[in-house]
Amino acid sequence: MSDNPFSNMFSDLFNLLGQQGPNAWFDNATQLALSIARGSDGDPNPLPSERARLEELAPLVARYVDVLFEVSADGQMVPATRSALTSAALAQWRPLIEPSLAIGSPSDETNPMMAQLAATIGPLFTGMQMGSIAGHFSERAWSLAALALPRLDDSRLPVVNNLVAFADAWSLERDDVYIFALAQEFVASLVLTQPGTGDALRALLLDGVKESAAVQRDILSRLQSMISPEEIGALMGNHEALLDEIELPEDTPATRAINAATAVLSAVFDAAASDITNALVGERPALAEAYRRHRRSDARGEDAAAALFGIANQGPHHDEAAIFVAELAEEHGLGVFSALLRVDGLPSADELTAPSAWYQRVTTSPLA
């Protein structure tokens, strides 16, 4: 007879988890994410009239993006629900998160069974965290442009009902909001699908994701304080707690690098969206202020999603990025940021406060 009264109980849990297969972590993430995204209203389809209006405006916005970056991009997009954005986010995030699952769990020589449990349940816990985040991300995000992450394809999925809710909450014209959101997403899609830009971002994210994973609450310590699979299941089933457990890594060269790059990318997307909106319908100060407040407040889902990759979605580096973009746009025009389409275009942490140094580097680059 075993000296450990819980050995049979945990053996059953090991067997259960082992039967789920290598993709169980992602399957569970998807199931949880979609259940959250559907929300209390069931995630209804947008009204046909609102879908049609976005489809009418998209080609017009795309032409302005073409002129701005001197490229040829189509005006295709798919008016989406929260669930569609959630599924797209999970697909885009998976290859960025998956390498971190290979990092070994902490060992416990005094309690091998708990160490085995931590190693077994660790990937599933990561998946449940990612699922909780992806579901809450889509609750108010307008599109994938809410996070400056490399993309696998150029799918553009504006969440119509989220745009309508924003416009109505701030008493804004829906067309103005649609134009701004479409421009933001079209520019983000153009930049983030570039092979060079994507490779440069992925290189930065390797360290960012690793550091983020290292600072999340120690799974083994948490499991060691539990005495039954039921308690473990309760933790895994509490998506609000899973969201709250995400923490940002400390300030390091790696986090400063990824924060500088992603903050500038987001600032460029916003500046281009504002420029295109102004060109089409005139200046809209109320929209600009409403978006600023939207971006900086009550962004729990987007902030947690960013933290999953070691990125701080709030903070002074975003103010620095806005100044960086404004200064260069005033002196050289927004077209200067076509350099972001190249592998060497992302600004460094040092360049974030020295826009002229970035400009000098990218304009004299052999790739320019």
Protein backbone atom coordinates (compact mmCIF):
# COMPACT_ATOMS: atom_id res chain seq x y z
CA MET A 1 0.00 0.00 0.00
CA SER A 2 1.33 3.45 -0.89
CA ASP A 3 2.46 5.80 1.88
CA ASN A 4 0.80 8.64 -0.02
CA PRO A 5 -2.98 8.61 0.61
CA PHE A 6 -3.54 10.70 -2.55
CA SER A 7 -1.49 8.52 -4.93
CA ASN A 8 -4.49 6.80 -6.51
CA MET A 9 -6.36 10.08 -6.83
CA PHE A 10 -3.49 11.80 -8.66
CA SER A 11 -2.82 8.70 -10.78
CA ASP A 12 -6.40 8.96 -12.03
CA LEU A 13 -5.82 12.65 -12.81
CA PHE A 14 -2.58 11.84 -14.70
CA ASN A 15 -4.43 9.25 -16.76
CA LEU A 16 -7.25 11.67 -17.53
CA LEU A 17 -4.89 14.42 -18.64
CA GLY A 18 -2.77 11.99 -20.63
CA GLN A 19 -5.79 10.86 -22.64
CA GLN A 20 -6.44 14.36 -23.92
CA GLY A 21 -3.58 14.40 -26.42
CA PRO A 22 -0.81 16.91 -27.21
CA ASN A 23 -3.22 19.57 -28.45
CA ALA A 24 -5.44 19.47 -25.37
CA TRP A 25 -4.05 22.76 -24.09
CA PHE A 26 -5.14 24.58 -27.27
CA ASP A 27 -8.47 22.77 -27.54
CA ASN A 28 -9.30 23.76 -23.97
CA ALA A 29 -8.15 27.33 -24.65
CA THR A 30 -10.46 27.55 -27.65
CA GLN A 31 -13.44 26.13 -25.81
CA LEU A 32 -13.05 28.53 -22.90
CA ALA A 33 -12.32 31.53 -25.12
CA LEU A 34 -15.42 31.05 -27.25
CA SER A 35 -17.66 30.54 -24.23
CA ILE A 36 -16.47 33.89 -22.84
CA ALA A 37 -16.70 35.65 -26.21
CA ARG A 38 -20.32 34.63 -26.65
CA GLY A 39 -21.15 36.46 -23.43
CA SER A 40 -24.59 36.95 -21.96
CA ASP A 41 -26.07 38.15 -25.28
CA GLY A 42 -24.92 35.13 -27.30
CA ASP A 43 -22.69 37.26 -29.55
CA PRO A 44 -25.33 38.16 -32.16
CA ASN A 45 -24.52 38.75 -35.80
CA PRO A 46 -24.30 42.43 -36.76
CA LEU A 47 -27.21 44.05 -38.50
CA PRO A 48 -27.05 43.61 -42.30
CA SER A 49 -27.18 47.39 -42.76
CA GLU A 50 -24.08 47.87 -40.58
CA ARG A 51 -22.19 45.09 -42.38
CA ALA A 52 -23.09 46.63 -45.71
CA ARG A 53 -21.85 50.06 -44.64
CA LEU A 54 -18.47 48.69 -43.62
CA GLU A 55 -18.23 46.86 -46.94
CA GLU A 56 -18.98 50.12 -48.78
CA LEU A 57 -16.35 52.10 -46.89
CA ALA A 58 -13.56 49.49 -46.98
CA PRO A 59 -12.39 49.99 -50.62
CA LEU A 60 -12.30 53.75 -50.13
CA VAL A 61 -10.17 53.44 -47.02
CA ALA A 62 -7.90 50.91 -48.74
CA ARG A 63 -7.12 53.40 -51.52
CA TYR A 64 -5.90 55.93 -48.97
CA VAL A 65 -3.68 53.27 -47.37
CA ASP A 66 -2.24 52.48 -50.81
CA VAL A 67 -1.32 56.12 -51.36
CA LEU A 68 0.11 56.56 -47.89
CA PHE A 69 2.51 53.60 -48.09
CA GLU A 70 2.91 53.47 -51.88
CA VAL A 71 1.80 49.86 -52.04
CA SER A 72 -1.08 48.02 -53.63
CA ALA A 73 -3.43 46.42 -51.12
CA ASP A 74 -6.94 45.12 -51.69
CA GLY A 75 -9.91 46.38 -49.73
CA GLN A 76 -11.11 42.99 -48.57
CA MET A 77 -12.33 42.55 -45.01
CA VAL A 78 -14.94 40.46 -43.22
CA PRO A 79 -17.34 42.13 -40.77
CA ALA A 80 -16.96 39.91 -37.72
CA THR A 81 -18.46 38.85 -34.41
CA ARG A 82 -16.58 38.60 -31.11
CA SER A 83 -16.31 34.85 -31.58
CA ALA A 84 -14.70 35.24 -35.00
CA LEU A 85 -12.12 37.68 -33.63
CA THR A 86 -11.43 35.33 -30.71
CA SER A 87 -10.78 32.39 -33.03
CA ALA A 88 -8.51 34.51 -35.21
CA ALA A 89 -6.57 35.78 -32.19
CA LEU A 90 -6.00 32.25 -30.89
CA ALA A 91 -4.73 31.12 -34.27
CA GLN A 92 -2.34 34.07 -34.51
CA TRP A 93 -1.11 33.73 -30.92
CA ARG A 94 -0.60 29.96 -30.89
CA PRO A 95 2.79 29.84 -32.69
CA LEU A 96 4.07 32.64 -30.46
CA ILE A 97 3.05 30.91 -27.22
CA GLU A 98 3.74 27.28 -28.13
CA PRO A 99 7.55 27.42 -27.73
CA SER A 100 7.14 28.51 -24.09
CA LEU A 101 5.34 25.23 -23.32
CA ALA A 102 8.61 23.39 -23.87
CA ILE A 103 10.21 25.16 -20.91
CA GLY A 104 10.54 22.63 -18.13
CA SER A 105 8.46 22.91 -14.98
CA PRO A 106 10.26 23.41 -11.69
CA SER A 107 11.34 20.13 -10.09
CA ASP A 108 10.49 18.95 -6.60
CA GLU A 109 12.79 16.18 -5.42
CA THR A 110 10.89 15.87 -2.14
CA ASN A 111 7.55 15.31 -3.84
CA PRO A 112 7.99 13.68 -7.28
CA MET A 113 4.25 13.21 -7.70
CA MET A 114 3.59 16.93 -7.35
CA ALA A 115 6.41 17.67 -9.76
CA GLN A 116 4.86 15.25 -12.26
CA LEU A 117 1.48 16.89 -11.78
CA ALA A 118 2.96 20.33 -12.41
CA ALA A 119 4.68 19.13 -15.58
CA THR A 120 1.46 17.50 -16.78
CA ILE A 121 -0.96 20.27 -15.98
CA GLY A 122 1.34 23.20 -16.81
CA PRO A 123 0.56 23.37 -20.55
CA LEU A 124 -3.16 22.99 -19.84
CA PHE A 125 -2.99 25.85 -17.36
CA THR A 126 -1.23 28.01 -19.96
CA GLY A 127 -3.95 27.12 -22.44
CA MET A 128 -6.70 28.04 -20.01
CA GLN A 129 -4.99 31.35 -19.30
CA MET A 130 -4.71 32.06 -23.02
CA GLY A 131 -8.33 31.07 -23.53
CA SER A 132 -9.53 33.39 -20.79
CA ILE A 133 -7.49 36.23 -22.23
CA ALA A 134 -8.62 35.66 -25.82
CA GLY A 135 -12.27 35.60 -24.78
CA HIS A 136 -12.01 38.83 -22.78
CA PHE A 137 -9.85 40.43 -25.49
CA SER A 138 -12.74 40.31 -27.95
CA GLU A 139 -15.24 41.83 -25.51
CA ARG A 140 -14.34 45.34 -26.70
CA ALA A 141 -11.41 45.09 -29.14
CA TRP A 142 -12.21 46.47 -32.58
CA SER A 143 -9.93 44.11 -34.49
CA LEU A 144 -6.57 42.36 -34.28
CA ALA A 145 -4.99 45.83 -34.60
CA ALA A 146 -5.48 46.18 -30.83
CA LEU A 147 -2.18 44.27 -30.49
CA ALA A 148 0.89 44.83 -32.68
CA LEU A 149 1.79 41.16 -33.15
CA PRO A 150 3.06 39.44 -36.31
CA ARG A 151 0.30 37.88 -38.40
CA LEU A 152 0.09 34.64 -40.33
CA ASP A 153 -2.27 36.10 -42.95
CA ASP A 154 -3.95 39.34 -43.95
CA SER A 155 -7.44 38.52 -42.65
CA ARG A 156 -9.16 41.71 -41.52
CA LEU A 157 -11.95 41.18 -39.02
CA PRO A 158 -13.51 44.37 -37.62
CA VAL A 159 -15.99 43.50 -34.87
CA VAL A 160 -19.05 45.41 -36.00
CA ASN A 161 -21.05 45.29 -32.78
CA ASN A 162 -18.06 46.52 -30.77
CA LEU A 163 -17.73 49.49 -33.12
CA VAL A 164 -21.43 50.24 -32.88
CA ALA A 165 -21.28 50.06 -29.07
CA PHE A 166 -18.31 52.46 -29.01
CA ALA A 167 -19.93 54.93 -31.40
CA ASP A 168 -23.23 54.92 -29.53
CA ALA A 169 -21.61 55.18 -26.09
CA TRP A 170 -19.73 58.32 -27.15
CA SER A 171 -22.52 59.76 -29.36
CA LEU A 172 -20.31 59.58 -32.46
CA GLU A 173 -21.25 59.13 -36.09
CA ARG A 174 -20.91 55.45 -36.91
CA ASP A 175 -19.38 56.18 -40.31
CA ASP A 176 -16.58 58.14 -38.64
CA VAL A 177 -15.83 55.27 -36.29
CA TYR A 178 -15.99 52.73 -39.12
CA ILE A 179 -13.53 54.71 -41.23
CA PHE A 180 -11.09 55.10 -38.34
CA ALA A 181 -11.28 51.42 -37.36
CA LEU A 182 -10.96 50.20 -40.95
CA ALA A 183 -7.94 52.42 -41.57
CA GLN A 184 -6.31 51.26 -38.35
CA GLU A 185 -6.86 47.60 -39.23
CA PHE A 186 -5.82 47.96 -42.89
CA VAL A 187 -2.54 49.63 -41.91
CA ALA A 188 -1.90 47.08 -39.15
CA SER A 189 -2.60 44.20 -41.52
CA LEU A 190 -0.26 45.66 -44.15
CA VAL A 191 2.64 46.14 -41.73
CA LEU A 192 2.26 43.04 -39.58
CA THR A 193 2.04 40.59 -42.50
CA GLN A 194 5.35 41.74 -43.99
CA PRO A 195 7.88 38.87 -43.76
CA GLY A 196 10.71 41.12 -42.61
CA THR A 197 8.65 42.95 -40.03
CA GLY A 198 7.19 39.70 -38.77
CA ASP A 199 10.60 38.09 -38.40
CA ALA A 200 11.95 41.10 -36.50
CA LEU A 201 8.95 41.08 -34.15
CA ARG A 202 9.13 37.32 -33.58
CA ALA A 203 12.78 37.64 -32.61
CA LEU A 204 11.85 40.22 -29.96
CA LEU A 205 8.86 38.18 -28.80
CA LEU A 206 10.94 35.07 -28.14
CA ASP A 207 12.47 36.79 -25.14
CA GLY A 208 9.31 38.67 -24.22
CA VAL A 209 7.17 35.54 -24.04
CA LYS A 210 9.88 33.69 -22.13
CA GLU A 211 10.14 36.45 -19.53
CA SER A 212 6.38 36.71 -19.25
CA ALA A 213 6.06 32.96 -18.65
CA ALA A 214 8.75 33.12 -15.97
CA VAL A 215 6.92 35.72 -13.88
CA GLN A 216 3.49 34.11 -13.91
CA ARG A 217 2.47 32.61 -10.59
CA ASP A 218 4.47 29.48 -9.86
CA ILE A 219 2.24 26.56 -10.88
CA LEU A 220 3.97 24.02 -8.68
CA SER A 221 3.65 26.18 -5.56
CA ARG A 222 -0.02 26.65 -6.27
CA LEU A 223 -0.60 22.95 -6.81
CA GLN A 224 1.30 22.02 -3.66
CA SER A 225 -1.20 24.04 -1.62
CA MET A 226 -4.09 21.99 -3.01
CA ILE A 227 -5.14 18.62 -1.76
CA SER A 228 -7.60 17.45 -4.38
CA PRO A 229 -8.18 17.46 -8.14
CA GLU A 230 -11.49 19.22 -7.41
CA GLU A 231 -9.63 22.27 -6.11
CA ILE A 232 -7.33 22.21 -9.12
CA GLY A 233 -10.38 21.98 -11.36
CA ALA A 234 -11.96 24.95 -9.59
CA LEU A 235 -8.88 27.06 -10.35
CA MET A 236 -8.79 25.92 -13.97
CA GLY A 237 -12.50 26.71 -14.34
CA ASN A 238 -12.36 30.24 -12.94
CA HIS A 239 -11.61 32.28 -16.05
CA GLU A 240 -11.70 35.58 -14.15
CA ALA A 241 -8.98 34.33 -11.78
CA LEU A 242 -6.94 33.06 -14.72
CA LEU A 243 -7.11 36.52 -16.29
CA ASP A 244 -6.10 38.24 -13.07
CA GLU A 245 -3.05 36.00 -12.65
CA ILE A 246 -1.28 37.50 -15.68
CA GLU A 247 1.60 39.69 -14.55
CA LEU A 248 4.06 41.82 -16.47
CA PRO A 249 7.75 40.92 -16.34
CA GLU A 250 10.21 43.34 -14.80
CA ASP A 251 11.88 46.07 -16.83
CA THR A 252 14.73 44.42 -18.76
CA PRO A 253 16.50 45.06 -22.09
CA ALA A 254 14.20 42.46 -23.66
CA THR A 255 10.98 44.06 -22.41
CA ARG A 256 12.19 47.56 -23.27
CA ALA A 257 12.92 46.39 -26.82
CA ILE A 258 9.53 44.78 -27.42
CA ASN A 259 7.68 47.65 -25.73
CA ALA A 260 9.44 50.25 -27.88
CA ALA A 261 8.72 48.38 -31.11
CA THR A 262 5.06 47.57 -30.39
CA ALA A 263 4.29 51.02 -28.95
CA VAL A 264 5.59 52.74 -32.09
CA LEU A 265 3.72 50.33 -34.35
CA SER A 266 0.46 51.01 -32.49
CA ALA A 267 1.10 54.76 -32.60
CA VAL A 268 1.65 54.57 -36.36
CA PHE A 269 -1.59 52.61 -36.83
CA ASP A 270 -3.48 55.23 -34.82
CA ALA A 271 -1.84 58.21 -36.56
CA ALA A 272 -2.54 56.76 -40.00
CA ALA A 273 -6.15 56.04 -39.03
CA SER A 274 -6.58 59.60 -37.82
CA ASP A 275 -4.97 61.03 -40.96
CA ILE A 276 -7.17 58.96 -43.27
CA THR A 277 -10.31 59.79 -41.28
CA ASN A 278 -9.52 63.50 -41.45
CA ALA A 279 -8.92 63.25 -45.19
CA LEU A 280 -12.28 61.57 -45.77
CA VAL A 281 -14.62 63.35 -43.37
CA GLY A 282 -12.65 66.22 -41.86
CA GLU A 283 -11.19 66.56 -38.40
CA ARG A 284 -13.07 64.76 -35.69
CA PRO A 285 -11.73 65.94 -32.29
CA ALA A 286 -14.53 64.18 -30.39
CA LEU A 287 -13.60 60.88 -32.01
CA ALA A 288 -9.91 61.43 -31.26
CA GLU A 289 -10.62 62.11 -27.59
CA ALA A 290 -13.05 59.22 -27.26
CA TYR A 291 -10.54 56.82 -28.79
CA ARG A 292 -7.77 58.09 -26.52
CA ARG A 293 -9.89 57.39 -23.46
CA HIS A 294 -11.02 54.04 -24.85
CA ARG A 295 -7.40 53.05 -25.47
CA ARG A 296 -6.18 54.04 -22.01
CA SER A 297 -9.09 52.99 -19.79
CA ASP A 298 -10.97 49.79 -19.00
CA ALA A 299 -8.77 47.85 -21.43
CA ARG A 300 -8.51 44.79 -19.22
CA GLY A 301 -8.71 42.20 -21.99
CA GLU A 302 -6.27 43.95 -24.32
CA ASP A 303 -3.84 44.66 -21.46
CA ALA A 304 -3.85 41.03 -20.33
CA ALA A 305 -3.36 39.86 -23.90
CA ALA A 306 -0.35 42.12 -24.30
CA ALA A 307 1.11 40.93 -20.98
CA LEU A 308 0.93 37.36 -22.23
CA PHE A 309 3.72 38.34 -24.63
CA GLY A 310 5.69 40.43 -22.15
CA ILE A 311 4.26 43.69 -23.54
CA ALA A 312 3.02 46.58 -21.39
CA ASN A 313 -0.07 47.95 -23.10
CA GLN A 314 -0.09 51.00 -20.82
CA GLY A 315 2.71 53.23 -19.58
CA PRO A 316 4.95 56.18 -20.44
CA HIS A 317 6.53 54.42 -23.42
CA HIS A 318 3.20 54.87 -25.24
CA ASP A 319 3.41 58.63 -24.70
CA GLU A 320 6.98 58.53 -26.00
CA ALA A 321 5.85 56.54 -29.02
CA ALA A 322 3.12 59.08 -29.81
CA ILE A 323 5.70 61.88 -29.68
CA PHE A 324 8.09 59.81 -31.82
CA VAL A 325 5.44 59.38 -34.52
CA ALA A 326 4.15 62.95 -34.34
CA GLU A 327 7.62 64.52 -34.70
CA LEU A 328 8.62 62.38 -37.66
CA ALA A 329 5.23 62.75 -39.37
CA GLU A 330 5.36 66.53 -39.04
CA GLU A 331 8.85 66.72 -40.52
CA HIS A 332 8.73 63.96 -43.14
CA GLY A 333 5.08 62.89 -43.50
CA LEU A 334 3.53 59.59 -42.46
CA GLY A 335 5.03 57.97 -45.54
CA VAL A 336 8.34 57.82 -43.66
CA PHE A 337 6.92 54.87 -41.76
CA SER A 338 6.99 52.72 -44.87
CA ALA A 339 10.36 51.76 -43.37
CA LEU A 340 8.36 49.63 -40.93
CA LEU A 341 7.65 47.28 -43.83
CA ARG A 342 11.33 46.21 -43.72
CA VAL A 343 13.15 43.85 -41.39
CA ASP A 344 15.32 46.71 -40.09
CA GLY A 345 12.48 49.20 -39.61
CA LEU A 346 11.49 48.63 -35.99
CA PRO A 347 12.81 51.28 -33.60
CA SER A 348 15.05 50.26 -30.72
CA ALA A 349 14.47 51.23 -27.10
CA ASP A 350 17.15 53.93 -27.40
CA GLU A 351 15.63 55.31 -30.61
CA LEU A 352 12.22 55.66 -28.98
CA THR A 353 13.39 58.94 -27.42
CA ALA A 354 15.59 59.86 -30.39
CA PRO A 355 13.38 59.88 -33.51
CA SER A 356 16.09 61.53 -35.62
CA ALA A 357 18.45 58.63 -34.88
CA TRP A 358 15.86 56.15 -36.16
CA TYR A 359 15.25 58.27 -39.25
CA GLN A 360 18.97 58.51 -39.99
CA ARG A 361 19.40 54.76 -39.63
CA VAL A 362 16.47 53.64 -41.78
CA THR A 363 17.05 56.20 -44.55
CA THR A 364 20.72 55.26 -44.91
CA SER A 365 20.13 51.53 -44.59
CA PRO A 366 21.19 49.33 -47.55
CA LEU A 367 17.57 48.11 -47.57
CA ALA A 368 16.14 51.61 -48.00
